[in-house]
């Protein structure tokens, strides 16, 4: 397994549960890439920007209750996970019109939701800005505390025999066995899963490279004595994720800046302004931390999952862009089913590596 973000760790856990001997290699260690800067939102009906991504996201969300229960039990550790719903808000007629369009689309799909007036939205969340003109509530949505999930996945996988090591992977040669060139020397395995996120594209794969590019996202972590809102609040320019301890995550920028992982003054300023526009009380919050991560994007904004069509023993689980946390349980099941059982679930048709010649 190459990559120890939330996707890679979920796959490692799933494979270990099924009796596979797993060795996870990452250049930094578990969860120190894009996963560290993730807000952990589980919001497919907002972020499903295409029919295929929506299908994948809904399937991923459906697996989460059981997934969290299994991982928490196997790790012997709690995971912060709440299906508290989302509340999208509008500040003007144009934004309200978009919520009305989403209302019609959700109705057509039979998804439980409520279209609210500005007054009704503020009654639901009194801390919202007074200029809110409309709201759209989707109760099925929620979030997971990513660091608690990541730690539990590593612990649960380790208890099942998985090993983790720190090294950079340069090249993979599909064969029998598969050869993996790392900074710590060469390794061999019956199968290798490439789950290195934005760094997947830097691994030479029999003369090919995965077409994944980094997109920076900056995120703020603020602290208050108690959560200012009870839903994940989503505006046109930012979102807020309230944790049980009073912390609030404010995200996120979308910046095509290559492999630049810096937190910037302009990014922090923008998120603070956009966050306060949603909930003015955030101006009195304590500033805890700002983080940045590089999301792995593909040309069609769909992940690359499944067995390579050209390299024997090589599997992919990369390119998840903004949906890595949401799709982690589904990706783990897709890869494990195919690698261990030779079974291909229907969702694989949407994300096959061969659409990029891999």
Protein backbone atom coordinates (compact mmCIF):
# COMPACT_ATOMS: atom_id res chain seq x y z
CA UNK A 1 0.00 0.00 0.00
CA UNK A 2 1.47 3.34 -1.07
CA UNK A 3 -0.08 6.26 0.84
CA UNK A 4 -1.33 6.63 4.41
CA UNK A 5 -4.01 9.27 4.09
CA UNK A 6 -7.57 8.49 5.09
CA UNK A 7 -8.16 6.56 1.86
CA UNK A 8 -4.99 4.50 2.15
CA UNK A 9 -5.58 3.75 5.83
CA UNK A 10 -9.18 2.74 5.16
CA UNK A 11 -8.01 0.30 2.48
CA UNK A 12 -5.25 -1.04 4.72
CA UNK A 13 -7.79 -1.67 7.46
CA UNK A 14 -10.26 -3.37 5.12
CA UNK A 15 -7.58 -5.60 3.61
CA UNK A 16 -6.19 -6.51 7.03
CA UNK A 17 -9.69 -7.42 8.24
CA UNK A 18 -9.89 -9.84 5.31
CA UNK A 19 -6.64 -11.51 6.28
CA UNK A 20 -4.27 -9.80 3.85
CA UNK A 21 -0.72 -9.07 5.02
CA UNK A 22 -0.47 -5.29 4.59
CA UNK A 23 2.55 -2.96 4.56
CA UNK A 24 1.70 0.75 4.25
CA UNK A 25 4.41 3.13 2.99
CA UNK A 26 4.08 6.91 3.13
CA UNK A 27 6.63 9.66 2.70
CA UNK A 28 5.51 11.48 5.86
CA UNK A 29 3.47 9.13 7.95
CA UNK A 30 -0.27 8.59 8.44
CA UNK A 31 -2.57 11.53 7.82
CA UNK A 32 0.03 14.24 7.23
CA UNK A 33 -1.00 15.16 3.68
CA UNK A 34 -4.39 16.37 2.45
CA UNK A 35 -6.15 14.40 5.19
CA UNK A 36 -4.77 16.72 7.86
CA UNK A 37 -6.50 19.71 6.26
CA UNK A 38 -9.84 18.02 5.69
CA UNK A 39 -13.00 19.20 7.45
CA UNK A 40 -14.49 15.70 7.28
CA UNK A 41 -17.79 16.75 5.74
CA UNK A 42 -20.18 14.05 4.56
CA UNK A 43 -22.29 16.11 2.15
CA UNK A 44 -22.89 14.33 -1.18
CA UNK A 45 -26.06 16.24 -2.04
CA UNK A 46 -24.11 19.50 -1.98
CA UNK A 47 -20.80 18.38 -3.46
CA UNK A 48 -22.11 15.90 -6.01
CA UNK A 49 -21.38 18.17 -8.96
CA UNK A 50 -21.97 15.40 -11.53
CA UNK A 51 -24.34 12.46 -11.68
CA UNK A 52 -21.44 10.02 -11.26
CA UNK A 53 -19.97 11.84 -8.26
CA UNK A 54 -23.40 12.11 -6.65
CA UNK A 55 -23.94 8.38 -7.08
CA UNK A 56 -20.58 7.61 -5.51
CA UNK A 57 -21.12 10.07 -2.67
CA UNK A 58 -24.57 8.77 -1.76
CA UNK A 59 -23.23 5.22 -1.77
CA UNK A 60 -20.33 6.32 0.43
CA UNK A 61 -22.61 8.07 2.91
CA UNK A 62 -24.82 5.00 3.19
CA UNK A 63 -21.84 2.97 4.41
CA UNK A 64 -20.70 5.39 7.10
CA UNK A 65 -22.76 4.31 10.12
CA UNK A 66 -21.57 0.71 9.91
CA UNK A 67 -18.04 1.72 8.92
CA UNK A 68 -17.59 3.97 11.97
CA UNK A 69 -19.05 1.33 14.26
CA UNK A 70 -16.64 -1.33 12.95
CA UNK A 71 -13.52 0.82 13.06
CA UNK A 72 -14.27 2.25 16.51
CA UNK A 73 -14.91 -1.23 17.90
CA UNK A 74 -11.79 -2.75 16.34
CA UNK A 75 -9.61 0.17 17.47
CA UNK A 76 -11.13 0.40 20.93
CA UNK A 77 -11.37 4.17 20.49
CA UNK A 78 -14.17 6.69 19.98
CA UNK A 79 -14.56 8.57 16.70
CA UNK A 80 -16.32 11.93 16.55
CA UNK A 81 -19.09 11.35 14.03
CA UNK A 82 -22.40 13.16 13.82
CA UNK A 83 -25.19 13.26 11.26
CA UNK A 84 -26.31 16.75 12.28
CA UNK A 85 -27.45 17.86 8.84
CA UNK A 86 -26.42 20.77 6.66
CA UNK A 87 -27.99 24.18 6.38
CA UNK A 88 -27.16 26.00 3.17
CA UNK A 89 -27.89 29.70 3.31
CA UNK A 90 -28.42 32.53 0.83
CA UNK A 91 -27.64 36.21 1.22
CA UNK A 92 -29.35 37.52 -1.91
CA UNK A 93 -31.92 36.65 -4.56
CA UNK A 94 -29.41 34.97 -6.85
CA UNK A 95 -28.22 32.63 -4.10
CA UNK A 96 -31.81 32.01 -3.02
CA UNK A 97 -32.65 31.06 -6.59
CA UNK A 98 -29.91 28.42 -6.55
CA UNK A 99 -31.32 26.96 -3.35
CA UNK A 100 -34.74 26.80 -4.99
CA UNK A 101 -33.22 24.85 -7.88
CA UNK A 102 -31.59 22.44 -5.43
CA UNK A 103 -34.93 22.09 -3.65
CA UNK A 104 -36.57 20.94 -6.88
CA UNK A 105 -33.74 18.52 -7.67
CA UNK A 106 -33.82 16.99 -4.19
CA UNK A 107 -37.60 16.63 -4.39
CA UNK A 108 -37.25 14.78 -7.69
CA UNK A 109 -34.76 12.37 -6.05
CA UNK A 110 -36.96 11.84 -3.00
CA UNK A 111 -34.34 13.22 -0.60
CA UNK A 112 -35.65 14.54 2.72
CA UNK A 113 -34.99 18.28 3.00
CA UNK A 114 -36.59 21.61 3.87
CA UNK A 115 -36.53 24.90 1.97
CA UNK A 116 -36.64 27.71 4.51
CA UNK A 117 -37.22 31.44 4.48
CA UNK A 118 -34.55 33.68 5.96
CA UNK A 119 -36.59 34.06 9.15
CA UNK A 120 -37.03 30.29 9.46
CA UNK A 121 -33.30 29.72 8.90
CA UNK A 122 -32.43 32.22 11.64
CA UNK A 123 -34.95 30.62 14.00
CA UNK A 124 -33.18 27.30 13.40
CA UNK A 125 -29.72 28.86 13.81
CA UNK A 126 -29.99 32.17 15.74
CA UNK A 127 -26.28 32.98 15.28
CA UNK A 128 -26.65 33.34 11.51
CA UNK A 129 -26.07 36.69 9.87
CA UNK A 130 -29.19 38.91 9.91
CA UNK A 131 -29.03 39.34 6.13
CA UNK A 132 -29.75 35.66 5.39
CA UNK A 133 -32.66 35.46 2.94
CA UNK A 134 -33.20 31.69 2.57
CA UNK A 135 -31.97 28.31 3.75
CA UNK A 136 -31.96 24.69 2.64
CA UNK A 137 -31.68 21.96 5.28
CA UNK A 138 -30.60 18.39 4.43
CA UNK A 139 -30.77 16.26 7.60
CA UNK A 140 -28.90 13.21 6.22
CA UNK A 141 -25.61 15.09 6.02
CA UNK A 142 -22.97 15.33 8.73
CA UNK A 143 -19.28 15.15 9.45
CA UNK A 144 -16.59 12.95 10.93
CA UNK A 145 -13.63 14.10 13.01
CA UNK A 146 -10.91 13.18 10.55
CA UNK A 147 -8.02 12.92 12.99
CA UNK A 148 -10.01 10.66 15.31
CA UNK A 149 -11.00 8.53 12.31
CA UNK A 150 -7.43 8.38 10.99
CA UNK A 151 -6.00 7.40 14.39
CA UNK A 152 -8.64 4.71 14.80
CA UNK A 153 -7.99 3.30 11.33
CA UNK A 154 -4.25 3.05 12.00
CA UNK A 155 -4.84 1.40 15.37
CA UNK A 156 -7.47 -1.02 14.02
CA UNK A 157 -5.30 -1.96 11.02
CA UNK A 158 -2.24 -2.42 13.24
CA UNK A 159 -4.18 -4.69 15.58
CA UNK A 160 -5.00 -6.79 12.52
CA UNK A 161 -1.33 -7.07 11.61
CA UNK A 162 -0.79 -4.16 9.22
CA UNK A 163 2.62 -2.45 9.29
CA UNK A 164 3.35 1.23 8.62
CA UNK A 165 6.67 2.72 7.54
CA UNK A 166 7.96 6.09 6.32
CA UNK A 167 9.66 6.21 2.90
CA UNK A 168 9.16 7.86 -0.47
CA UNK A 169 8.11 5.63 -3.36
CA UNK A 170 9.71 6.49 -6.70
CA UNK A 171 8.58 3.75 -9.06
CA UNK A 172 6.42 0.65 -9.30
CA UNK A 173 6.93 -2.14 -11.80
CA UNK A 174 3.90 -4.33 -12.25
CA UNK A 175 4.96 -7.95 -12.52
CA UNK A 176 4.87 -11.15 -10.50
CA UNK A 177 5.81 -10.07 -7.89
CA UNK A 178 5.32 -6.30 -8.12
CA UNK A 179 8.54 -4.35 -7.46
CA UNK A 180 8.39 -1.11 -5.47
CA UNK A 181 11.37 1.27 -5.48
CA UNK A 182 11.57 3.40 -2.32
CA UNK A 183 14.11 5.62 -0.57
CA UNK A 184 14.51 2.79 1.90
CA UNK A 185 15.30 0.23 -0.78
CA UNK A 186 13.35 -2.06 -3.09
CA UNK A 187 10.37 -4.07 -1.91
CA UNK A 188 8.24 -6.73 -3.56
CA UNK A 189 4.61 -7.71 -3.11
CA UNK A 190 1.87 -9.74 -4.73
CA UNK A 191 -0.13 -6.54 -5.22
CA UNK A 192 0.37 -2.81 -4.67
CA UNK A 193 -2.33 -0.17 -4.17
CA UNK A 194 -1.40 3.38 -5.22
CA UNK A 195 -3.22 5.67 -2.80
CA UNK A 196 -0.70 8.51 -2.57
CA UNK A 197 -3.11 11.36 -3.31
CA UNK A 198 -1.53 14.31 -5.10
CA UNK A 199 1.82 12.53 -5.01
CA UNK A 200 0.49 9.58 -7.02
CA UNK A 201 1.41 11.41 -10.21
CA UNK A 202 5.08 11.49 -9.21
CA UNK A 203 5.39 7.70 -9.09
CA UNK A 204 6.67 6.14 -12.31
CA UNK A 205 4.42 3.26 -13.27
CA UNK A 206 6.05 1.28 -16.08
CA UNK A 207 6.65 4.50 -17.99
CA UNK A 208 3.25 5.99 -17.09
CA UNK A 209 2.11 8.40 -14.41
CA UNK A 210 -1.30 8.84 -12.83
CA UNK A 211 -2.94 12.05 -14.16
CA UNK A 212 -3.49 13.64 -10.76
CA UNK A 213 -2.78 17.29 -9.98
CA UNK A 214 -2.70 19.05 -6.59
CA UNK A 215 -5.29 21.69 -5.65
CA UNK A 216 -4.55 23.53 -2.42
CA UNK A 217 -7.23 23.94 0.21
CA UNK A 218 -6.72 26.11 3.29
CA UNK A 219 -8.77 25.58 6.45
CA UNK A 220 -9.12 27.44 9.76
CA UNK A 221 -9.64 25.94 13.20
CA UNK A 222 -11.28 28.38 15.63
CA UNK A 223 -12.29 27.86 19.25
CA UNK A 224 -15.33 29.09 21.17
CA UNK A 225 -16.76 28.09 24.53
CA UNK A 226 -19.65 26.34 22.79
CA UNK A 227 -20.61 25.63 19.18
CA UNK A 228 -22.26 28.71 17.60
CA UNK A 229 -24.36 26.55 15.26
CA UNK A 230 -25.87 23.08 15.43
CA UNK A 231 -25.64 22.23 11.71
CA UNK A 232 -22.85 22.21 9.17
CA UNK A 233 -23.51 25.67 7.69
CA UNK A 234 -22.77 26.19 4.03
CA UNK A 235 -22.63 29.54 2.26
CA UNK A 236 -21.67 30.63 -1.22
CA UNK A 237 -18.02 31.22 -0.26
CA UNK A 238 -17.36 29.15 2.89
CA UNK A 239 -18.66 26.46 5.20
CA UNK A 240 -18.59 25.95 8.98
CA UNK A 241 -18.27 22.59 10.74
CA UNK A 242 -19.10 22.73 14.49
CA UNK A 243 -17.36 20.23 16.74
CA UNK A 244 -18.75 19.07 20.05
CA UNK A 245 -16.02 20.85 22.05
CA UNK A 246 -16.97 24.28 20.66
CA UNK A 247 -14.35 24.28 17.92
CA UNK A 248 -15.38 25.39 14.46
CA UNK A 249 -13.67 24.54 11.19
CA UNK A 250 -13.92 27.20 8.49
CA UNK A 251 -13.12 26.18 4.95
CA UNK A 252 -12.01 26.04 2.38
CA UNK A 253 -10.05 27.70 -0.37
CA UNK A 254 -9.62 26.12 -3.80
CA UNK A 255 -6.25 27.14 -5.26
CA UNK A 256 -4.48 25.72 -8.30
CA UNK A 257 -0.92 26.51 -7.14
CA UNK A 258 0.93 23.26 -7.73
CA UNK A 259 2.76 21.64 -4.82
CA UNK A 260 2.69 24.77 -2.66
CA UNK A 261 1.43 23.72 0.78
CA UNK A 262 1.85 27.06 2.50
CA UNK A 263 -0.84 28.70 4.57
CA UNK A 264 -1.11 32.25 3.23
CA UNK A 265 -2.20 35.57 4.70
CA UNK A 266 -4.66 36.11 1.85
CA UNK A 267 -6.17 32.66 2.36
CA UNK A 268 -6.60 33.14 6.10
CA UNK A 269 -8.05 36.63 5.62
CA UNK A 270 -10.54 35.38 3.05
CA UNK A 271 -11.73 32.53 5.27
CA UNK A 272 -12.09 34.77 8.31
CA UNK A 273 -14.15 37.28 6.32
CA UNK A 274 -16.32 34.61 4.70
CA UNK A 275 -16.82 32.80 8.01
CA UNK A 276 -17.95 35.97 9.80
CA UNK A 277 -20.34 36.69 6.94
CA UNK A 278 -22.07 33.44 7.82
CA UNK A 279 -21.88 33.75 11.61
CA UNK A 280 -20.73 37.17 12.92
CA UNK A 281 -19.93 35.72 16.37
CA UNK A 282 -16.86 34.04 14.88
CA UNK A 283 -15.16 37.42 15.18
CA UNK A 284 -14.86 36.70 18.92
CA UNK A 285 -13.45 33.20 18.48
CA UNK A 286 -9.91 32.25 19.49
CA UNK A 287 -7.67 31.49 16.55
CA UNK A 288 -6.34 27.95 17.06
CA UNK A 289 -4.72 26.94 13.78
CA UNK A 290 -4.64 27.30 10.01
CA UNK A 291 -3.88 24.27 7.85
CA UNK A 292 -3.36 23.62 4.16
CA UNK A 293 -3.55 20.42 2.14
CA UNK A 294 -3.21 19.41 -1.47
CA UNK A 295 -6.32 17.71 -2.79
CA UNK A 296 -5.68 15.22 -5.63
CA UNK A 297 -7.80 16.18 -8.65
CA UNK A 298 -8.33 14.44 -11.99
CA UNK A 299 -9.54 15.94 -15.26
CA UNK A 300 -13.11 14.69 -14.73
CA UNK A 301 -13.06 15.24 -10.93
CA UNK A 302 -13.75 11.55 -10.33
CA UNK A 303 -11.35 9.28 -8.46
CA UNK A 304 -9.28 6.53 -10.06
CA UNK A 305 -10.11 3.24 -8.35
CA UNK A 306 -9.48 -0.37 -9.23
CA UNK A 307 -7.06 -2.71 -10.95
CA UNK A 308 -4.72 -1.38 -13.62
CA UNK A 309 -5.50 -2.59 -17.11
CA UNK A 310 -1.83 -2.50 -18.10
CA UNK A 311 0.20 -3.38 -14.98
CA UNK A 312 -0.34 -6.72 -13.35
CA UNK A 313 -0.75 -6.55 -9.59
CA UNK A 314 -1.18 -2.75 -9.50
CA UNK A 315 -4.35 -1.16 -8.14
CA UNK A 316 -5.33 2.51 -7.84
CA UNK A 317 -7.19 4.47 -5.19
CA UNK A 318 -6.35 8.09 -5.88
CA UNK A 319 -7.73 11.32 -7.34
CA UNK A 320 -10.51 11.76 -4.79
CA UNK A 321 -10.20 15.57 -4.84
CA UNK A 322 -12.67 16.99 -2.24
CA UNK A 323 -14.34 13.64 -1.49
CA UNK A 324 -11.58 11.54 0.06
CA UNK A 325 -13.16 11.28 3.51
CA UNK A 326 -16.67 10.73 2.17
CA UNK A 327 -15.54 8.03 -0.25
CA UNK A 328 -12.98 6.29 1.99
CA UNK A 329 -15.28 3.43 3.15
CA UNK A 330 -16.60 2.85 -0.37
CA UNK A 331 -13.11 2.95 -1.90
CA UNK A 332 -11.83 0.46 0.66
CA UNK A 333 -14.68 -1.93 -0.14
CA UNK A 334 -14.21 -1.56 -3.91
CA UNK A 335 -10.49 -2.27 -3.74
CA UNK A 336 -10.75 -5.12 -1.25
CA UNK A 337 -13.57 -6.81 -3.15
CA UNK A 338 -11.59 -6.72 -6.37
CA UNK A 339 -8.17 -7.53 -4.96
CA UNK A 340 -9.17 -10.26 -2.51
CA UNK A 341 -12.31 -11.76 -4.03
CA UNK A 342 -12.02 -10.83 -7.70
CA UNK A 343 -15.45 -9.22 -7.43
CA UNK A 344 -16.23 -5.95 -9.18
CA UNK A 345 -18.97 -3.82 -7.72
CA UNK A 346 -20.98 -1.74 -10.15
CA UNK A 347 -19.53 1.55 -8.86
CA UNK A 348 -16.16 0.58 -10.37
CA UNK A 349 -17.56 1.31 -13.82
CA UNK A 350 -17.53 5.03 -12.92
CA UNK A 351 -13.92 5.19 -11.78
CA UNK A 352 -11.88 2.65 -13.75
CA UNK A 353 -8.17 3.41 -14.26
CA UNK A 354 -8.35 2.47 -17.94
CA UNK A 355 -10.24 5.68 -18.76
CA UNK A 356 -6.83 7.35 -18.34
CA UNK A 357 -4.86 4.57 -19.99
CA UNK A 358 -3.70 3.11 -16.68
